[in-house]
Amino acid sequence: MSNDKFSQLIESIEPKKDLLARIMGRIHSEKRLRSIKQRLVIFGFFLIGSTVALVPIFRQAQAEFAQSGFLEYFSLLFSDAGIIILNWQSYLLALLESLPMISLALLLLVIIAFLESLRYFIRNTKIILPSIINKFKLHNS
């Protein structure tokens, strides 16, 4: 095939009008998928870390609640409600003083981290799962 015929053939082949838009859309979706995969890994690590940290921090908070006497003060609310109503200000002050704030704050922080990472992990999994299933179907067919 001569050079002139080849160049005429190339010029006669016209790409589809939406080819550029489809290519750019595919590039955009692949970039988005890669970003979601990275976030999935990051939130997966946060989810595992917060799950692992939850058990010892819960045990520490439980031990500090028992050691501080908070549970005993709190149980007075049910056994001696009349006395507590008369001295409610002193009772609330004693209850607050016996509350293990640092352990409670750590426990709440870990629970919030666990729930947030679980939420983001599930959200990103829902987004990426259809594309993984489609790729799996394409490879097996």
N, C-alpha and C. Protein backbone atom coordinates (compact mmCIF):
# COMPACT_ATOMS: atom_id res chain seq x y z
N MET A 1 0.86 -1.17 0.00
CA MET A 1 0.00 0.00 0.00
C MET A 1 0.90 1.23 0.00
N SER A 2 0.62 2.13 -0.89
CA SER A 2 1.46 3.31 -1.00
C SER A 2 1.10 4.31 0.10
N ASN A 3 1.97 5.24 0.22
CA ASN A 3 1.82 6.25 1.26
C ASN A 3 0.57 7.10 1.04
N ASP A 4 0.25 7.44 -0.22
CA ASP A 4 -0.93 8.25 -0.52
C ASP A 4 -2.21 7.50 -0.18
N LYS A 5 -2.26 6.23 -0.53
CA LYS A 5 -3.46 5.44 -0.25
C LYS A 5 -3.65 5.28 1.26
N PHE A 6 -2.54 5.10 1.97
CA PHE A 6 -2.62 4.95 3.43
C PHE A 6 -3.13 6.23 4.08
N SER A 7 -2.63 7.37 3.66
CA SER A 7 -3.08 8.65 4.23
C SER A 7 -4.53 8.91 3.87
N GLN A 8 -4.96 8.52 2.66
CA GLN A 8 -6.37 8.67 2.29
C GLN A 8 -7.26 7.78 3.15
N LEU A 9 -6.79 6.57 3.43
CA LEU A 9 -7.54 5.64 4.27
C LEU A 9 -7.69 6.19 5.69
N ILE A 10 -6.61 6.72 6.21
CA ILE A 10 -6.62 7.30 7.56
C ILE A 10 -7.58 8.48 7.61
N GLU A 11 -7.57 9.33 6.62
CA GLU A 11 -8.44 10.50 6.58
C GLU A 11 -9.91 10.11 6.41
N SER A 12 -10.15 8.99 5.74
CA SER A 12 -11.53 8.58 5.51
C SER A 12 -12.16 7.95 6.75
N ILE A 13 -11.34 7.45 7.65
CA ILE A 13 -11.86 6.86 8.88
C ILE A 13 -12.18 8.00 9.85
N GLU A 14 -13.41 8.12 10.19
CA GLU A 14 -13.86 9.20 11.07
C GLU A 14 -14.28 8.59 12.41
N PRO A 15 -13.68 9.06 13.52
CA PRO A 15 -14.09 8.52 14.83
C PRO A 15 -15.51 8.99 15.19
N LYS A 16 -16.13 8.28 16.08
CA LYS A 16 -17.47 8.66 16.53
C LYS A 16 -17.40 10.02 17.21
N LYS A 17 -18.47 10.76 17.10
CA LYS A 17 -18.48 12.13 17.62
C LYS A 17 -18.34 12.19 19.14
N ASP A 18 -18.84 11.19 19.85
CA ASP A 18 -18.77 11.22 21.31
C ASP A 18 -17.58 10.45 21.86
N LEU A 19 -16.63 10.10 20.99
CA LEU A 19 -15.48 9.30 21.43
C LEU A 19 -14.66 10.03 22.48
N LEU A 20 -14.36 11.30 22.27
CA LEU A 20 -13.57 12.06 23.24
C LEU A 20 -14.28 12.16 24.58
N ALA A 21 -15.58 12.41 24.54
CA ALA A 21 -16.35 12.51 25.79
C ALA A 21 -16.36 11.17 26.52
N ARG A 22 -16.48 10.08 25.79
CA ARG A 22 -16.47 8.76 26.43
C ARG A 22 -15.11 8.45 27.03
N ILE A 23 -14.05 8.80 26.31
CA ILE A 23 -12.69 8.56 26.83
C ILE A 23 -12.45 9.40 28.10
N MET A 24 -12.83 10.66 28.05
CA MET A 24 -12.63 11.53 29.22
C MET A 24 -13.49 11.06 30.39
N GLY A 25 -14.71 10.62 30.10
CA GLY A 25 -15.57 10.09 31.16
C GLY A 25 -14.97 8.84 31.81
N ARG A 26 -14.41 7.99 30.99
CA ARG A 26 -13.78 6.76 31.52
C ARG A 26 -12.55 7.10 32.36
N ILE A 27 -11.76 8.06 31.91
CA ILE A 27 -10.59 8.49 32.69
C ILE A 27 -11.03 9.07 34.04
N HIS A 28 -12.08 9.89 33.99
CA HIS A 28 -12.60 10.49 35.23
C HIS A 28 -13.10 9.41 36.18
N SER A 29 -13.84 8.43 35.65
CA SER A 29 -14.37 7.38 36.53
C SER A 29 -13.25 6.51 37.09
N GLU A 30 -12.21 6.27 36.33
CA GLU A 30 -11.08 5.48 36.84
C GLU A 30 -10.33 6.24 37.93
N LYS A 31 -10.17 7.54 37.75
CA LYS A 31 -9.53 8.36 38.80
C LYS A 31 -10.38 8.33 40.07
N ARG A 32 -11.70 8.46 39.90
CA ARG A 32 -12.60 8.43 41.04
C ARG A 32 -12.55 7.08 41.75
N LEU A 33 -12.50 6.01 40.97
CA LEU A 33 -12.42 4.67 41.54
C LEU A 33 -11.12 4.49 42.32
N ARG A 34 -10.02 4.99 41.77
CA ARG A 34 -8.73 4.87 42.47
C ARG A 34 -8.76 5.65 43.78
N SER A 35 -9.37 6.84 43.76
CA SER A 35 -9.49 7.64 44.98
C SER A 35 -10.34 6.92 46.02
N ILE A 36 -11.43 6.32 45.57
CA ILE A 36 -12.31 5.59 46.50
C ILE A 36 -11.58 4.38 47.07
N LYS A 37 -10.80 3.69 46.26
CA LYS A 37 -10.04 2.54 46.76
C LYS A 37 -9.04 2.97 47.83
N GLN A 38 -8.39 4.10 47.61
CA GLN A 38 -7.44 4.60 48.61
C GLN A 38 -8.16 4.95 49.91
N ARG A 39 -9.30 5.62 49.80
CA ARG A 39 -10.06 5.95 51.00
C ARG A 39 -10.57 4.70 51.70
N LEU A 40 -10.92 3.69 50.92
CA LEU A 40 -11.40 2.43 51.49
C LEU A 40 -10.30 1.78 52.33
N VAL A 41 -9.09 1.81 51.85
CA VAL A 41 -7.96 1.24 52.60
C VAL A 41 -7.71 2.05 53.86
N ILE A 42 -7.72 3.38 53.74
CA ILE A 42 -7.46 4.23 54.91
C ILE A 42 -8.52 4.03 55.98
N PHE A 43 -9.80 4.07 55.58
CA PHE A 43 -10.85 3.89 56.56
C PHE A 43 -10.93 2.45 57.07
N GLY A 44 -10.46 1.51 56.27
CA GLY A 44 -10.35 0.13 56.75
C GLY A 44 -9.35 0.04 57.89
N PHE A 45 -8.21 0.71 57.75
CA PHE A 45 -7.23 0.73 58.84
C PHE A 45 -7.77 1.43 60.08
N PHE A 46 -8.47 2.55 59.88
CA PHE A 46 -9.09 3.24 61.01
C PHE A 46 -10.13 2.35 61.69
N LEU A 47 -10.89 1.63 60.90
CA LEU A 47 -11.91 0.74 61.45
C LEU A 47 -11.27 -0.37 62.28
N ILE A 48 -10.23 -0.98 61.76
CA ILE A 48 -9.53 -2.03 62.50
C ILE A 48 -8.88 -1.47 63.76
N GLY A 49 -8.22 -0.32 63.63
CA GLY A 49 -7.56 0.30 64.78
C GLY A 49 -8.53 0.68 65.88
N SER A 50 -9.64 1.28 65.50
CA SER A 50 -10.61 1.67 66.53
C SER A 50 -11.29 0.45 67.15
N THR A 51 -11.47 -0.60 66.38
CA THR A 51 -12.05 -1.83 66.93
C THR A 51 -11.10 -2.46 67.94
N VAL A 52 -9.82 -2.49 67.59
CA VAL A 52 -8.83 -3.06 68.51
C VAL A 52 -8.71 -2.21 69.77
N ALA A 53 -8.76 -0.89 69.62
CA ALA A 53 -8.62 0.01 70.77
C ALA A 53 -9.86 0.03 71.65
N LEU A 54 -10.99 -0.34 71.11
CA LEU A 54 -12.24 -0.26 71.85
C LEU A 54 -12.26 -1.18 73.07
N VAL A 55 -11.75 -2.37 72.93
CA VAL A 55 -11.82 -3.35 74.03
C VAL A 55 -11.00 -2.90 75.25
N PRO A 56 -9.70 -2.58 75.11
CA PRO A 56 -8.96 -2.16 76.31
C PRO A 56 -9.44 -0.85 76.92
N ILE A 57 -9.86 0.08 76.08
CA ILE A 57 -10.34 1.35 76.62
C ILE A 57 -11.67 1.14 77.34
N PHE A 58 -12.53 0.26 76.83
CA PHE A 58 -13.78 -0.05 77.53
C PHE A 58 -13.49 -0.69 78.88
N ARG A 59 -12.54 -1.62 78.92
CA ARG A 59 -12.19 -2.27 80.19
C ARG A 59 -11.60 -1.27 81.18
N GLN A 60 -10.78 -0.35 80.68
CA GLN A 60 -10.20 0.68 81.55
C GLN A 60 -11.30 1.58 82.11
N ALA A 61 -12.22 1.99 81.27
CA ALA A 61 -13.32 2.84 81.73
C ALA A 61 -14.19 2.11 82.74
N GLN A 62 -14.44 0.85 82.48
CA GLN A 62 -15.24 0.04 83.40
C GLN A 62 -14.56 -0.06 84.76
N ALA A 63 -13.25 -0.28 84.76
CA ALA A 63 -12.50 -0.38 86.01
C ALA A 63 -12.49 0.95 86.76
N GLU A 64 -12.34 2.05 86.03
CA GLU A 64 -12.31 3.36 86.68
C GLU A 64 -13.69 3.76 87.21
N PHE A 65 -14.75 3.35 86.53
CA PHE A 65 -16.10 3.60 87.06
C PHE A 65 -16.29 2.86 88.38
N ALA A 66 -15.83 1.62 88.44
CA ALA A 66 -15.96 0.83 89.67
C ALA A 66 -15.09 1.40 90.78
N GLN A 67 -13.88 1.83 90.44
CA GLN A 67 -12.93 2.33 91.43
C GLN A 67 -13.32 3.71 91.96
N SER A 68 -13.93 4.53 91.15
CA SER A 68 -14.22 5.90 91.56
C SER A 68 -15.43 6.01 92.49
N GLY A 69 -16.25 4.99 92.52
CA GLY A 69 -17.44 5.03 93.36
C GLY A 69 -18.63 5.66 92.67
N PHE A 70 -18.50 5.95 91.40
CA PHE A 70 -19.60 6.57 90.65
C PHE A 70 -20.84 5.68 90.66
N LEU A 71 -20.63 4.39 90.48
CA LEU A 71 -21.78 3.48 90.42
C LEU A 71 -22.54 3.44 91.74
N GLU A 72 -21.81 3.54 92.85
CA GLU A 72 -22.47 3.56 94.16
C GLU A 72 -23.29 4.84 94.34
N TYR A 73 -22.69 5.97 93.94
CA TYR A 73 -23.42 7.23 94.03
C TYR A 73 -24.65 7.19 93.12
N PHE A 74 -24.50 6.66 91.95
CA PHE A 74 -25.60 6.60 91.00
C PHE A 74 -26.71 5.69 91.50
N SER A 75 -26.35 4.59 92.16
CA SER A 75 -27.37 3.66 92.65
C SER A 75 -28.20 4.28 93.79
N LEU A 76 -27.65 5.28 94.46
CA LEU A 76 -28.43 5.98 95.49
C LEU A 76 -29.68 6.64 94.92
N LEU A 77 -29.62 6.99 93.65
CA LEU A 77 -30.76 7.61 93.00
C LEU A 77 -31.99 6.70 93.05
N PHE A 78 -31.78 5.41 93.00
CA PHE A 78 -32.89 4.46 93.00
C PHE A 78 -33.26 3.99 94.41
N SER A 79 -32.28 3.97 95.31
CA SER A 79 -32.58 3.46 96.66
C SER A 79 -33.04 4.56 97.62
N ASP A 80 -32.46 5.76 97.51
CA ASP A 80 -32.80 6.85 98.43
C ASP A 80 -33.19 8.11 97.66
N ALA A 81 -34.18 8.01 96.83
CA ALA A 81 -34.58 9.14 95.97
C ALA A 81 -35.06 10.33 96.79
N GLY A 82 -35.72 10.10 97.92
CA GLY A 82 -36.21 11.21 98.75
C GLY A 82 -35.09 12.06 99.30
N ILE A 83 -34.06 11.43 99.78
CA ILE A 83 -32.91 12.17 100.33
C ILE A 83 -32.20 12.94 99.21
N ILE A 84 -32.11 12.30 98.06
CA ILE A 84 -31.43 12.95 96.92
C ILE A 84 -32.21 14.18 96.47
N ILE A 85 -33.53 14.13 96.50
CA ILE A 85 -34.34 15.29 96.09
C ILE A 85 -34.08 16.46 97.04
N LEU A 86 -33.93 16.17 98.34
CA LEU A 86 -33.66 17.24 99.30
C LEU A 86 -32.27 17.84 99.12
N ASN A 87 -31.30 17.00 98.79
CA ASN A 87 -29.90 17.45 98.67
C ASN A 87 -29.40 17.26 97.24
N TRP A 88 -30.17 17.66 96.26
CA TRP A 88 -29.85 17.36 94.88
C TRP A 88 -28.58 18.06 94.40
N GLN A 89 -28.29 19.24 94.91
CA GLN A 89 -27.09 19.95 94.49
C GLN A 89 -25.83 19.23 94.96
N SER A 90 -25.82 18.81 96.20
CA SER A 90 -24.66 18.07 96.73
C SER A 90 -24.52 16.72 96.03
N TYR A 91 -25.67 16.10 95.76
CA TYR A 91 -25.65 14.80 95.09
C TYR A 91 -25.06 14.93 93.68
N LEU A 92 -25.51 15.93 92.93
CA LEU A 92 -24.98 16.13 91.58
C LEU A 92 -23.50 16.45 91.60
N LEU A 93 -23.07 17.24 92.58
CA LEU A 93 -21.66 17.57 92.70
C LEU A 93 -20.84 16.32 93.00
N ALA A 94 -21.30 15.50 93.93
CA ALA A 94 -20.59 14.25 94.24
C ALA A 94 -20.58 13.31 93.05
N LEU A 95 -21.66 13.26 92.32
CA LEU A 95 -21.75 12.41 91.13
C LEU A 95 -20.77 12.88 90.06
N LEU A 96 -20.71 14.18 89.83
CA LEU A 96 -19.77 14.72 88.84
C LEU A 96 -18.31 14.55 89.26
N GLU A 97 -18.04 14.71 90.55
CA GLU A 97 -16.67 14.56 91.03
C GLU A 97 -16.17 13.13 90.91
N SER A 98 -17.08 12.18 91.03
CA SER A 98 -16.67 10.78 90.96
C SER A 98 -16.64 10.24 89.53
N LEU A 99 -17.10 11.03 88.58
CA LEU A 99 -17.14 10.59 87.19
C LEU A 99 -15.73 10.55 86.60
N PRO A 100 -15.28 9.41 86.08
CA PRO A 100 -13.93 9.33 85.47
C PRO A 100 -13.94 9.96 84.07
N MET A 101 -13.72 11.26 84.02
CA MET A 101 -13.86 12.02 82.78
C MET A 101 -12.89 11.60 81.68
N ILE A 102 -11.65 11.36 82.01
CA ILE A 102 -10.66 11.02 80.98
C ILE A 102 -11.00 9.69 80.33
N SER A 103 -11.32 8.70 81.13
CA SER A 103 -11.69 7.40 80.56
C SER A 103 -12.97 7.50 79.75
N LEU A 104 -13.91 8.27 80.23
CA LEU A 104 -15.16 8.45 79.51
C LEU A 104 -14.93 9.17 78.18
N ALA A 105 -14.08 10.19 78.21
CA ALA A 105 -13.77 10.93 76.98
C ALA A 105 -13.05 10.04 75.98
N LEU A 106 -12.08 9.25 76.46
CA LEU A 106 -11.38 8.31 75.57
C LEU A 106 -12.33 7.28 74.98
N LEU A 107 -13.20 6.77 75.79
CA LEU A 107 -14.17 5.78 75.31
C LEU A 107 -15.09 6.38 74.25
N LEU A 108 -15.59 7.57 74.51
CA LEU A 108 -16.45 8.23 73.53
C LEU A 108 -15.69 8.55 72.24
N LEU A 109 -14.44 8.96 72.37
CA LEU A 109 -13.62 9.25 71.20
C LEU A 109 -13.42 8.01 70.34
N VAL A 110 -13.13 6.89 70.97
CA VAL A 110 -12.92 5.65 70.22
C VAL A 110 -14.23 5.16 69.59
N ILE A 111 -15.33 5.30 70.32
CA ILE A 111 -16.63 4.89 69.76
C ILE A 111 -16.99 5.76 68.56
N ILE A 112 -16.76 7.06 68.66
CA ILE A 112 -17.05 7.95 67.54
C ILE A 112 -16.14 7.63 66.35
N ALA A 113 -14.86 7.39 66.61
CA ALA A 113 -13.93 7.02 65.53
C ALA A 113 -14.36 5.72 64.87
N PHE A 114 -14.80 4.76 65.67
CA PHE A 114 -15.26 3.48 65.12
C PHE A 114 -16.49 3.68 64.24
N LEU A 115 -17.47 4.42 64.75
CA LEU A 115 -18.70 4.61 63.99
C LEU A 115 -18.48 5.42 62.71
N GLU A 116 -17.67 6.46 62.79
CA GLU A 116 -17.39 7.26 61.60
C GLU A 116 -16.61 6.46 60.55
N SER A 117 -15.60 5.72 60.98
CA SER A 117 -14.85 4.92 60.01
C SER A 117 -15.71 3.81 59.43
N LEU A 118 -16.60 3.25 60.23
CA LEU A 118 -17.53 2.24 59.72
C LEU A 118 -18.47 2.85 58.69
N ARG A 119 -18.95 4.05 58.96
CA ARG A 119 -19.86 4.73 58.03
C ARG A 119 -19.17 5.01 56.69
N TYR A 120 -17.95 5.57 56.74
CA TYR A 120 -17.23 5.86 55.51
C TYR A 120 -16.82 4.58 54.79
N PHE A 121 -16.46 3.54 55.54
CA PHE A 121 -16.08 2.27 54.92
C PHE A 121 -17.27 1.67 54.18
N ILE A 122 -18.43 1.67 54.80
CA ILE A 122 -19.63 1.12 54.15
C ILE A 122 -20.02 1.96 52.94
N ARG A 123 -19.97 3.28 53.09
CA ARG A 123 -20.32 4.16 51.97
C ARG A 123 -19.40 3.93 50.77
N ASN A 124 -18.10 3.85 50.99
CA ASN A 124 -17.16 3.64 49.90
C ASN A 124 -17.27 2.22 49.33
N THR A 125 -17.60 1.26 50.17
CA THR A 125 -17.79 -0.11 49.68
C THR A 125 -19.00 -0.17 48.76
N LYS A 126 -20.07 0.52 49.11
CA LYS A 126 -21.26 0.54 48.25
C LYS A 126 -20.95 1.17 46.90
N ILE A 127 -20.08 2.14 46.87
CA ILE A 127 -19.74 2.82 45.61
C ILE A 127 -18.86 1.92 44.74
N ILE A 128 -17.89 1.27 45.35
CA ILE A 128 -16.90 0.53 44.58
C ILE A 128 -17.33 -0.90 44.25
N LEU A 129 -18.24 -1.46 45.01
CA LEU A 129 -18.65 -2.85 44.82
C LEU A 129 -19.20 -3.14 43.42
N PRO A 130 -20.09 -2.31 42.85
CA PRO A 130 -20.56 -2.62 41.50
C PRO A 130 -19.46 -2.68 40.45
N SER A 131 -18.47 -1.81 40.55
CA SER A 131 -17.38 -1.84 39.57
C SER A 131 -16.53 -3.09 39.73
N ILE A 132 -16.34 -3.54 40.96
CA ILE A 132 -15.58 -4.78 41.18
C ILE A 132 -16.35 -5.97 40.63
N ILE A 133 -17.64 -5.99 40.83
CA ILE A 133 -18.47 -7.09 40.32
C ILE A 133 -18.45 -7.09 38.80
N ASN A 134 -18.55 -5.91 38.17
CA ASN A 134 -18.50 -5.83 36.71
C ASN A 134 -17.16 -6.31 36.16
N LYS A 135 -16.07 -5.93 36.81
CA LYS A 135 -14.75 -6.39 36.36
C LYS A 135 -14.62 -7.89 36.52
N PHE A 136 -15.16 -8.42 37.60
CA PHE A 136 -15.11 -9.86 37.83
C PHE A 136 -15.91 -10.61 36.77
N LYS A 137 -17.09 -10.06 36.40
CA LYS A 137 -17.92 -10.68 35.36
C LYS A 137 -17.23 -10.65 34.01
N LEU A 138 -16.53 -9.53 33.70
CA LEU A 138 -15.83 -9.42 32.43
C LEU A 138 -14.68 -10.41 32.32
N HIS A 139 -13.98 -10.64 33.42
CA HIS A 139 -12.85 -11.57 33.41
C HIS A 139 -13.30 -13.01 33.33
N ASN A 140 -14.44 -13.34 33.86
CA ASN A 140 -14.92 -14.72 33.86
C ASN A 140 -15.74 -15.08 32.64
N SER A 141 -16.14 -14.10 31.85
CA SER A 141 -16.96 -14.45 30.67
C SER A 141 -16.13 -14.57 29.41
